[in-house]
């Protein structure tokens, strides 16, 4: 057989890049890691946006939750930064960080139990 007769094997991607439970676990972990490695949160939000709309409805509730957690956390951080000039920003940035961690942990817990997020559009926990 010549090399022209052989068909190349299809490219196999890693499971963590494909939409689903493993991908969401990676996204949640990237969010937590962003407290130490800032860019990891950006990687997480890109993965979430790329894979949204490609899974079962209960998984989609997690993508919505993760995306809102990132953007609302970023908004809260921006507002806290502005409030640093009137000193209250130090308190609000801590509250925003706690809020992000709690939402991320809730997402990981529900994901491990194969449960949807009850109200993924919520601003709260």
C-alpha atoms as a PDB file:
ATOM      1  CA  UNK A   1       0.000   0.000   0.000  1.00  0.00           C
ATOM      2  CA  UNK A   2       1.218   3.431  -0.790  1.00  0.00           C
ATOM      3  CA  UNK A   3       0.880   6.329   1.579  1.00  0.00           C
ATOM      4  CA  UNK A   4      -1.876   7.783  -0.651  1.00  0.00           C
ATOM      5  CA  UNK A   5      -4.106   4.744  -0.042  1.00  0.00           C
ATOM      6  CA  UNK A   6      -4.055   5.143   3.720  1.00  0.00           C
ATOM      7  CA  UNK A   7      -6.651   7.422   5.223  1.00  0.00           C
ATOM      8  CA  UNK A   8      -5.500   9.435   8.193  1.00  0.00           C
ATOM      9  CA  UNK A   9      -7.105   8.697  11.520  1.00  0.00           C
ATOM     10  CA  UNK A  10      -9.616  11.308  12.606  1.00  0.00           C
ATOM     11  CA  UNK A  11      -8.238  13.867  15.030  1.00  0.00           C
ATOM     12  CA  UNK A  12      -9.169  12.953  18.590  1.00  0.00           C
ATOM     13  CA  UNK A  13      -9.734  15.873  20.943  1.00  0.00           C
ATOM     14  CA  UNK A  14      -9.432  15.785  24.673  1.00  0.00           C
ATOM     15  CA  UNK A  15     -12.720  15.212  26.504  1.00  0.00           C
ATOM     16  CA  UNK A  16     -12.300  18.350  28.564  1.00  0.00           C
ATOM     17  CA  UNK A  17     -12.649  20.510  25.453  1.00  0.00           C
ATOM     18  CA  UNK A  18     -15.956  18.935  24.400  1.00  0.00           C
ATOM     19  CA  UNK A  19     -19.253  20.236  25.805  1.00  0.00           C
ATOM     20  CA  UNK A  20     -20.394  18.384  28.894  1.00  0.00           C
ATOM     21  CA  UNK A  21     -19.670  17.601  32.488  1.00  0.00           C
ATOM     22  CA  UNK A  22     -15.871  17.348  32.238  1.00  0.00           C
ATOM     23  CA  UNK A  23     -15.686  20.646  30.365  1.00  0.00           C
ATOM     24  CA  UNK A  24     -17.735  22.356  33.063  1.00  0.00           C
ATOM     25  CA  UNK A  25     -15.534  20.938  35.804  1.00  0.00           C
ATOM     26  CA  UNK A  26     -12.536  22.443  34.025  1.00  0.00           C
ATOM     27  CA  UNK A  27     -14.324  25.793  33.686  1.00  0.00           C
ATOM     28  CA  UNK A  28     -15.213  25.900  37.382  1.00  0.00           C
ATOM     29  CA  UNK A  29     -11.656  24.958  38.376  1.00  0.00           C
ATOM     30  CA  UNK A  30     -10.252  27.624  36.043  1.00  0.00           C
ATOM     31  CA  UNK A  31     -12.466  30.175  37.784  1.00  0.00           C
ATOM     32  CA  UNK A  32     -11.090  29.161  41.178  1.00  0.00           C
ATOM     33  CA  UNK A  33      -7.535  29.171  39.836  1.00  0.00           C
ATOM     34  CA  UNK A  34      -8.045  32.709  38.540  1.00  0.00           C
ATOM     35  CA  UNK A  35      -7.565  33.989  42.084  1.00  0.00           C
ATOM     36  CA  UNK A  36      -3.932  32.859  41.742  1.00  0.00           C
ATOM     37  CA  UNK A  37      -3.454  32.839  37.945  1.00  0.00           C
ATOM     38  CA  UNK A  38      -5.568  35.667  36.585  1.00  0.00           C
ATOM     39  CA  UNK A  39      -5.699  34.555  32.962  1.00  0.00           C
ATOM     40  CA  UNK A  40      -7.288  31.198  33.785  1.00  0.00           C
ATOM     41  CA  UNK A  41     -10.668  32.860  34.301  1.00  0.00           C
ATOM     42  CA  UNK A  42     -10.511  34.225  30.769  1.00  0.00           C
ATOM     43  CA  UNK A  43      -9.766  30.741  29.428  1.00  0.00           C
ATOM     44  CA  UNK A  44     -12.747  29.449  31.416  1.00  0.00           C
ATOM     45  CA  UNK A  45     -15.184  32.028  30.021  1.00  0.00           C
ATOM     46  CA  UNK A  46     -14.001  31.358  26.460  1.00  0.00           C
ATOM     47  CA  UNK A  47     -14.599  27.620  26.932  1.00  0.00           C
ATOM     48  CA  UNK A  48     -18.021  28.318  28.419  1.00  0.00           C
ATOM     49  CA  UNK A  49     -19.083  30.529  25.513  1.00  0.00           C
ATOM     50  CA  UNK A  50     -17.724  28.098  22.912  1.00  0.00           C
ATOM     51  CA  UNK A  51     -19.607  25.119  24.359  1.00  0.00           C
ATOM     52  CA  UNK A  52     -22.855  26.772  25.379  1.00  0.00           C
ATOM     53  CA  UNK A  53     -25.892  25.447  23.522  1.00  0.00           C
ATOM     54  CA  UNK A  54     -24.363  22.081  22.689  1.00  0.00           C
ATOM     55  CA  UNK A  55     -25.451  19.923  25.652  1.00  0.00           C
ATOM     56  CA  UNK A  56     -28.399  18.517  27.555  1.00  0.00           C
ATOM     57  CA  UNK A  57     -30.654  21.093  29.277  1.00  0.00           C
ATOM     58  CA  UNK A  58     -29.356  20.347  32.782  1.00  0.00           C
ATOM     59  CA  UNK A  59     -25.790  20.934  31.543  1.00  0.00           C
ATOM     60  CA  UNK A  60     -26.892  24.148  29.812  1.00  0.00           C
ATOM     61  CA  UNK A  61     -28.067  25.501  33.168  1.00  0.00           C
ATOM     62  CA  UNK A  62     -24.463  25.132  34.377  1.00  0.00           C
ATOM     63  CA  UNK A  63     -23.069  26.954  31.334  1.00  0.00           C
ATOM     64  CA  UNK A  64     -25.499  29.834  31.968  1.00  0.00           C
ATOM     65  CA  UNK A  65     -24.539  29.867  35.670  1.00  0.00           C
ATOM     66  CA  UNK A  66     -20.794  29.819  34.879  1.00  0.00           C
ATOM     67  CA  UNK A  67     -21.044  32.568  32.270  1.00  0.00           C
ATOM     68  CA  UNK A  68     -23.107  34.801  34.565  1.00  0.00           C
ATOM     69  CA  UNK A  69     -20.727  34.118  37.456  1.00  0.00           C
ATOM     70  CA  UNK A  70     -17.794  35.352  35.386  1.00  0.00           C
ATOM     71  CA  UNK A  71     -19.419  38.482  33.960  1.00  0.00           C
ATOM     72  CA  UNK A  72     -21.163  39.517  37.176  1.00  0.00           C
ATOM     73  CA  UNK A  73     -17.954  38.881  39.119  1.00  0.00           C
ATOM     74  CA  UNK A  74     -16.048  41.044  36.655  1.00  0.00           C
ATOM     75  CA  UNK A  75     -18.666  43.786  36.973  1.00  0.00           C
ATOM     76  CA  UNK A  76     -18.510  43.589  40.772  1.00  0.00           C
ATOM     77  CA  UNK A  77     -14.718  43.755  40.665  1.00  0.00           C
ATOM     78  CA  UNK A  78     -14.818  46.816  38.420  1.00  0.00           C
ATOM     79  CA  UNK A  79     -17.287  48.594  40.707  1.00  0.00           C
ATOM     80  CA  UNK A  80     -15.168  47.634  43.726  1.00  0.00           C
ATOM     81  CA  UNK A  81     -12.091  49.061  42.038  1.00  0.00           C
ATOM     82  CA  UNK A  82     -13.874  52.369  41.516  1.00  0.00           C
ATOM     83  CA  UNK A  83     -15.051  52.321  45.143  1.00  0.00           C
ATOM     84  CA  UNK A  84     -11.457  51.902  46.332  1.00  0.00           C
ATOM     85  CA  UNK A  85     -11.196  55.684  46.125  1.00  0.00           C
ATOM     86  CA  UNK A  86     -13.787  55.986  48.897  1.00  0.00           C
ATOM     87  CA  UNK A  87     -12.316  53.079  50.911  1.00  0.00           C
ATOM     88  CA  UNK A  88     -15.445  50.872  50.817  1.00  0.00           C
ATOM     89  CA  UNK A  89     -14.001  49.116  47.755  1.00  0.00           C
ATOM     90  CA  UNK A  90     -11.745  46.999  49.979  1.00  0.00           C
ATOM     91  CA  UNK A  91     -14.813  45.436  51.592  1.00  0.00           C
ATOM     92  CA  UNK A  92     -16.765  45.035  48.370  1.00  0.00           C
ATOM     93  CA  UNK A  93     -13.890  43.306  46.546  1.00  0.00           C
ATOM     94  CA  UNK A  94     -13.712  40.746  49.355  1.00  0.00           C
ATOM     95  CA  UNK A  95     -17.464  40.214  49.122  1.00  0.00           C
ATOM     96  CA  UNK A  96     -17.250  39.767  45.346  1.00  0.00           C
ATOM     97  CA  UNK A  97     -14.463  37.193  45.756  1.00  0.00           C
ATOM     98  CA  UNK A  98     -16.519  35.255  48.319  1.00  0.00           C
ATOM     99  CA  UNK A  99     -19.550  35.433  46.009  1.00  0.00           C
ATOM    100  CA  UNK A 100     -17.570  34.005  43.064  1.00  0.00           C
ATOM    101  CA  UNK A 101     -16.100  31.193  45.184  1.00  0.00           C
ATOM    102  CA  UNK A 102     -19.498  30.240  46.625  1.00  0.00           C
ATOM    103  CA  UNK A 103     -21.191  30.183  43.217  1.00  0.00           C
ATOM    104  CA  UNK A 104     -18.339  28.140  41.772  1.00  0.00           C
ATOM    105  CA  UNK A 105     -18.450  25.605  44.608  1.00  0.00           C
ATOM    106  CA  UNK A 106     -22.243  25.327  44.304  1.00  0.00           C
ATOM    107  CA  UNK A 107     -21.816  24.684  40.585  1.00  0.00           C
ATOM    108  CA  UNK A 108     -19.192  21.998  41.195  1.00  0.00           C
ATOM    109  CA  UNK A 109     -21.339  20.295  43.849  1.00  0.00           C
ATOM    110  CA  UNK A 110     -24.464  20.218  41.703  1.00  0.00           C
ATOM    111  CA  UNK A 111     -22.457  19.081  38.694  1.00  0.00           C
ATOM    112  CA  UNK A 112     -20.956  16.179  40.640  1.00  0.00           C
ATOM    113  CA  UNK A 113     -24.505  15.098  41.618  1.00  0.00           C
ATOM    114  CA  UNK A 114     -25.711  15.479  38.005  1.00  0.00           C
ATOM    115  CA  UNK A 115     -28.187  18.165  39.089  1.00  0.00           C
ATOM    116  CA  UNK A 116     -29.109  21.297  37.153  1.00  0.00           C
ATOM    117  CA  UNK A 117     -28.730  24.770  38.593  1.00  0.00           C
ATOM    118  CA  UNK A 118     -32.204  25.674  39.914  1.00  0.00           C
ATOM    119  CA  UNK A 119     -32.181  29.301  38.746  1.00  0.00           C
ATOM    120  CA  UNK A 120     -29.162  29.896  36.489  1.00  0.00           C
ATOM    121  CA  UNK A 121     -30.289  33.468  35.693  1.00  0.00           C
ATOM    122  CA  UNK A 122     -30.089  34.474  39.344  1.00  0.00           C
ATOM    123  CA  UNK A 123     -27.730  37.196  40.563  1.00  0.00           C
ATOM    124  CA  UNK A 124     -27.535  35.554  43.949  1.00  0.00           C
ATOM    125  CA  UNK A 125     -26.498  32.136  45.142  1.00  0.00           C
END
